[in-house]
Amino acid sequence: IGDCLDSDRVLGGPGHMKVLIAFNVIESGEIGVLVIDGLESRTATSTLPTCLEGTISAMRFAPGDRSIPVQLPLQASAESPSQIY
């Protein structure tokens, strides 16, 4: 996820963002339904939505006997300290 955010910033994306990622880990351990909120203001050329979706969809967990809902609030900030010590 960090690589997605870093790439987005290099391509001119904002330094600060809040995103809510919600998905289900299904019984097989794979990602089921995936929803990413907070990227609506992105330009059509932004690769961030596709990068996040691909990264999260590729995650795998141990199989289980039921689906597990996951909510991942993400707040990212890129700041460069300007003070010299």
N, C-alpha and C. Protein backbone atom coordinates (compact mmCIF):
# COMPACT_ATOMS: atom_id res chain seq x y z
N ILE A 1 0.84 -1.18 0.00
CA ILE A 1 0.00 0.00 0.00
C ILE A 1 0.89 1.24 0.00
N GLY A 2 1.97 1.19 0.74
CA GLY A 2 2.90 2.32 0.78
C GLY A 2 3.48 2.64 -0.58
N ASP A 3 3.80 1.61 -1.36
CA ASP A 3 4.32 1.85 -2.71
C ASP A 3 3.29 2.55 -3.59
N CYS A 4 2.02 2.19 -3.45
CA CYS A 4 0.95 2.85 -4.21
C CYS A 4 0.89 4.33 -3.86
N LEU A 5 0.94 4.63 -2.57
CA LEU A 5 0.87 6.02 -2.12
C LEU A 5 2.09 6.80 -2.58
N ASP A 6 3.27 6.21 -2.46
CA ASP A 6 4.49 6.89 -2.90
C ASP A 6 4.45 7.18 -4.40
N SER A 7 4.03 6.23 -5.19
CA SER A 7 3.94 6.42 -6.64
C SER A 7 2.95 7.53 -6.97
N ASP A 8 1.84 7.56 -6.26
CA ASP A 8 0.83 8.59 -6.50
C ASP A 8 1.39 9.98 -6.21
N ARG A 9 2.13 10.11 -5.13
CA ARG A 9 2.71 11.41 -4.78
C ARG A 9 3.73 11.86 -5.83
N VAL A 10 4.55 10.93 -6.30
CA VAL A 10 5.55 11.26 -7.32
C VAL A 10 4.86 11.76 -8.59
N LEU A 11 3.68 11.23 -8.88
CA LEU A 11 2.94 11.62 -10.09
C LEU A 11 2.04 12.84 -9.85
N GLY A 12 2.22 13.53 -8.72
CA GLY A 12 1.48 14.76 -8.47
C GLY A 12 0.28 14.63 -7.57
N GLY A 13 0.09 13.49 -6.96
CA GLY A 13 -1.03 13.31 -6.04
C GLY A 13 -0.85 14.14 -4.79
N PRO A 14 -1.92 14.31 -4.01
CA PRO A 14 -1.84 15.16 -2.81
C PRO A 14 -0.95 14.56 -1.74
N GLY A 15 -0.41 15.43 -0.92
CA GLY A 15 0.45 15.00 0.18
C GLY A 15 -0.32 14.43 1.35
N HIS A 16 -1.60 14.76 1.44
CA HIS A 16 -2.44 14.29 2.55
C HIS A 16 -3.70 13.64 1.97
N MET A 17 -4.12 12.54 2.56
CA MET A 17 -5.36 11.90 2.12
C MET A 17 -5.92 11.01 3.21
N LYS A 18 -7.23 10.82 3.13
CA LYS A 18 -7.94 9.90 4.02
C LYS A 18 -8.73 8.96 3.13
N VAL A 19 -8.56 7.67 3.36
CA VAL A 19 -9.21 6.64 2.55
C VAL A 19 -9.75 5.58 3.51
N LEU A 20 -10.93 5.06 3.21
CA LEU A 20 -11.46 3.93 3.96
C LEU A 20 -11.48 2.73 3.04
N ILE A 21 -10.78 1.70 3.43
CA ILE A 21 -10.73 0.45 2.67
C ILE A 21 -11.52 -0.58 3.46
N ALA A 22 -12.49 -1.20 2.80
CA ALA A 22 -13.30 -2.23 3.46
C ALA A 22 -13.35 -3.45 2.54
N PHE A 23 -13.17 -4.62 3.12
CA PHE A 23 -13.22 -5.85 2.33
C PHE A 23 -13.61 -7.01 3.23
N ASN A 24 -13.95 -8.11 2.60
CA ASN A 24 -14.23 -9.36 3.30
C ASN A 24 -13.13 -10.35 2.97
N VAL A 25 -12.65 -11.04 3.98
CA VAL A 25 -11.77 -12.19 3.74
C VAL A 25 -12.71 -13.39 3.72
N ILE A 26 -12.83 -14.01 2.56
CA ILE A 26 -13.76 -15.13 2.43
C ILE A 26 -13.14 -16.42 2.95
N GLU A 27 -13.95 -17.46 3.04
CA GLU A 27 -13.53 -18.72 3.66
C GLU A 27 -12.23 -19.30 3.09
N SER A 28 -11.98 -19.09 1.82
CA SER A 28 -10.76 -19.62 1.19
C SER A 28 -9.51 -18.82 1.57
N GLY A 29 -9.69 -17.67 2.22
CA GLY A 29 -8.56 -16.83 2.60
C GLY A 29 -8.29 -15.73 1.58
N GLU A 30 -9.10 -15.67 0.53
CA GLU A 30 -8.94 -14.65 -0.50
C GLU A 30 -9.80 -13.44 -0.17
N ILE A 31 -9.54 -12.33 -0.85
CA ILE A 31 -10.32 -11.12 -0.68
C ILE A 31 -11.60 -11.25 -1.48
N GLY A 32 -12.73 -10.99 -0.81
CA GLY A 32 -14.03 -11.01 -1.49
C GLY A 32 -14.39 -9.61 -1.95
N VAL A 33 -15.50 -9.10 -1.47
CA VAL A 33 -15.96 -7.76 -1.83
C VAL A 33 -14.96 -6.72 -1.31
N LEU A 34 -14.58 -5.78 -2.18
CA LEU A 34 -13.62 -4.74 -1.83
C LEU A 34 -14.21 -3.38 -2.19
N VAL A 35 -14.20 -2.46 -1.23
CA VAL A 35 -14.69 -1.10 -1.45
C VAL A 35 -13.62 -0.14 -0.95
N ILE A 36 -13.29 0.85 -1.79
CA ILE A 36 -12.33 1.88 -1.40
C ILE A 36 -13.03 3.23 -1.54
N ASP A 37 -13.25 3.91 -0.41
CA ASP A 37 -13.90 5.22 -0.40
C ASP A 37 -12.87 6.30 -0.11
N GLY A 38 -13.04 7.45 -0.75
CA GLY A 38 -12.17 8.58 -0.49
C GLY A 38 -11.30 8.95 -1.67
N LEU A 39 -11.45 8.23 -2.78
CA LEU A 39 -10.64 8.50 -3.96
C LEU A 39 -11.45 9.14 -5.09
N GLU A 40 -12.68 9.58 -4.76
CA GLU A 40 -13.57 10.10 -5.79
C GLU A 40 -13.02 11.34 -6.48
N SER A 41 -12.21 12.12 -5.79
CA SER A 41 -11.69 13.37 -6.36
C SER A 41 -10.45 13.16 -7.22
N ARG A 42 -10.01 11.94 -7.39
CA ARG A 42 -8.82 11.65 -8.18
C ARG A 42 -9.09 11.92 -9.66
N THR A 43 -8.04 12.31 -10.36
CA THR A 43 -8.17 12.51 -11.80
C THR A 43 -8.29 11.17 -12.50
N ALA A 44 -8.76 11.20 -13.72
CA ALA A 44 -8.93 9.96 -14.49
C ALA A 44 -7.60 9.28 -14.77
N THR A 45 -6.50 10.03 -14.72
CA THR A 45 -5.19 9.44 -15.00
C THR A 45 -4.48 8.91 -13.76
N SER A 46 -5.08 9.08 -12.58
CA SER A 46 -4.47 8.60 -11.35
C SER A 46 -4.43 7.07 -11.34
N THR A 47 -3.28 6.54 -10.98
CA THR A 47 -3.13 5.09 -10.89
C THR A 47 -3.41 4.57 -9.48
N LEU A 48 -3.65 5.47 -8.52
CA LEU A 48 -3.82 5.04 -7.13
C LEU A 48 -4.99 4.07 -6.93
N PRO A 49 -6.19 4.35 -7.47
CA PRO A 49 -7.28 3.39 -7.26
C PRO A 49 -6.94 1.99 -7.77
N THR A 50 -6.37 1.90 -8.95
CA THR A 50 -6.02 0.60 -9.54
C THR A 50 -4.92 -0.08 -8.74
N CYS A 51 -3.93 0.70 -8.31
CA CYS A 51 -2.82 0.13 -7.53
C CYS A 51 -3.32 -0.43 -6.20
N LEU A 52 -4.14 0.35 -5.49
CA LEU A 52 -4.67 -0.14 -4.21
C LEU A 52 -5.52 -1.38 -4.39
N GLU A 53 -6.40 -1.35 -5.40
CA GLU A 53 -7.26 -2.50 -5.66
C GLU A 53 -6.44 -3.75 -5.97
N GLY A 54 -5.44 -3.62 -6.81
CA GLY A 54 -4.60 -4.76 -7.17
C GLY A 54 -3.81 -5.30 -5.98
N THR A 55 -3.25 -4.39 -5.19
CA THR A 55 -2.46 -4.79 -4.03
C THR A 55 -3.31 -5.53 -2.99
N ILE A 56 -4.47 -4.97 -2.69
CA ILE A 56 -5.33 -5.57 -1.67
C ILE A 56 -5.94 -6.88 -2.18
N SER A 57 -6.35 -6.90 -3.43
CA SER A 57 -6.93 -8.12 -4.01
C SER A 57 -5.94 -9.28 -4.02
N ALA A 58 -4.65 -8.98 -4.07
CA ALA A 58 -3.62 -10.02 -4.11
C ALA A 58 -3.30 -10.60 -2.72
N MET A 59 -3.80 -9.98 -1.66
CA MET A 59 -3.51 -10.48 -0.32
C MET A 59 -4.20 -11.82 -0.08
N ARG A 60 -3.56 -12.69 0.68
CA ARG A 60 -4.10 -14.00 1.02
C ARG A 60 -3.94 -14.23 2.51
N PHE A 61 -4.94 -14.87 3.08
CA PHE A 61 -4.97 -15.18 4.51
C PHE A 61 -5.22 -16.67 4.69
N ALA A 62 -5.05 -17.15 5.92
CA ALA A 62 -5.31 -18.57 6.21
C ALA A 62 -6.81 -18.84 5.99
N PRO A 63 -7.14 -19.97 5.39
CA PRO A 63 -8.56 -20.32 5.21
C PRO A 63 -9.26 -20.43 6.56
N GLY A 64 -10.56 -20.17 6.56
CA GLY A 64 -11.35 -20.26 7.79
C GLY A 64 -12.73 -20.82 7.50
N ASP A 65 -13.55 -20.87 8.52
CA ASP A 65 -14.88 -21.45 8.35
C ASP A 65 -15.96 -20.39 8.12
N ARG A 66 -15.58 -19.11 8.06
CA ARG A 66 -16.55 -18.05 7.79
C ARG A 66 -15.85 -16.83 7.19
N SER A 67 -16.64 -15.97 6.57
CA SER A 67 -16.15 -14.72 6.01
C SER A 67 -15.90 -13.72 7.14
N ILE A 68 -14.85 -12.93 7.03
CA ILE A 68 -14.51 -11.96 8.06
C ILE A 68 -14.46 -10.56 7.43
N PRO A 69 -15.29 -9.62 7.92
CA PRO A 69 -15.24 -8.26 7.40
C PRO A 69 -14.06 -7.49 8.00
N VAL A 70 -13.41 -6.68 7.17
CA VAL A 70 -12.26 -5.89 7.60
C VAL A 70 -12.48 -4.45 7.17
N GLN A 71 -12.25 -3.51 8.06
CA GLN A 71 -12.26 -2.09 7.72
C GLN A 71 -10.90 -1.53 8.05
N LEU A 72 -10.32 -0.84 7.09
CA LEU A 72 -8.98 -0.30 7.24
C LEU A 72 -9.01 1.19 6.93
N PRO A 73 -9.17 2.04 7.96
CA PRO A 73 -9.09 3.47 7.70
C PRO A 73 -7.62 3.84 7.48
N LEU A 74 -7.37 4.60 6.44
CA LEU A 74 -6.00 4.94 6.07
C LEU A 74 -5.88 6.44 5.97
N GLN A 75 -4.97 6.99 6.74
CA GLN A 75 -4.67 8.42 6.64
C GLN A 75 -3.20 8.52 6.32
N ALA A 76 -2.88 9.11 5.19
CA ALA A 76 -1.50 9.19 4.75
C ALA A 76 -1.10 10.65 4.63
N SER A 77 0.13 10.91 5.00
CA SER A 77 0.66 12.27 4.94
C SER A 77 2.13 12.21 4.55
N ALA A 78 2.48 13.05 3.60
CA ALA A 78 3.89 13.15 3.21
C ALA A 78 4.38 14.51 3.65
N GLU A 79 5.26 14.51 4.62
CA GLU A 79 5.81 15.76 5.13
C GLU A 79 7.32 15.64 5.18
N SER A 80 7.96 16.72 4.81
CA SER A 80 9.42 16.78 4.88
C SER A 80 9.80 17.77 5.98
N PRO A 81 10.49 17.31 6.99
CA PRO A 81 10.90 18.24 8.05
C PRO A 81 11.79 19.34 7.47
N SER A 82 11.51 20.58 7.83
CA SER A 82 12.29 21.68 7.28
C SER A 82 13.22 22.30 8.32
N GLN A 83 13.20 21.80 9.53
CA GLN A 83 14.04 22.33 10.57
C GLN A 83 15.43 21.70 10.53
N ILE A 84 16.42 22.51 10.78
CA ILE A 84 17.79 22.01 10.87
C ILE A 84 18.20 22.05 12.34
N TYR A 85 18.71 20.95 12.83
CA TYR A 85 19.10 20.86 14.24
C TYR A 85 20.58 21.02 14.38
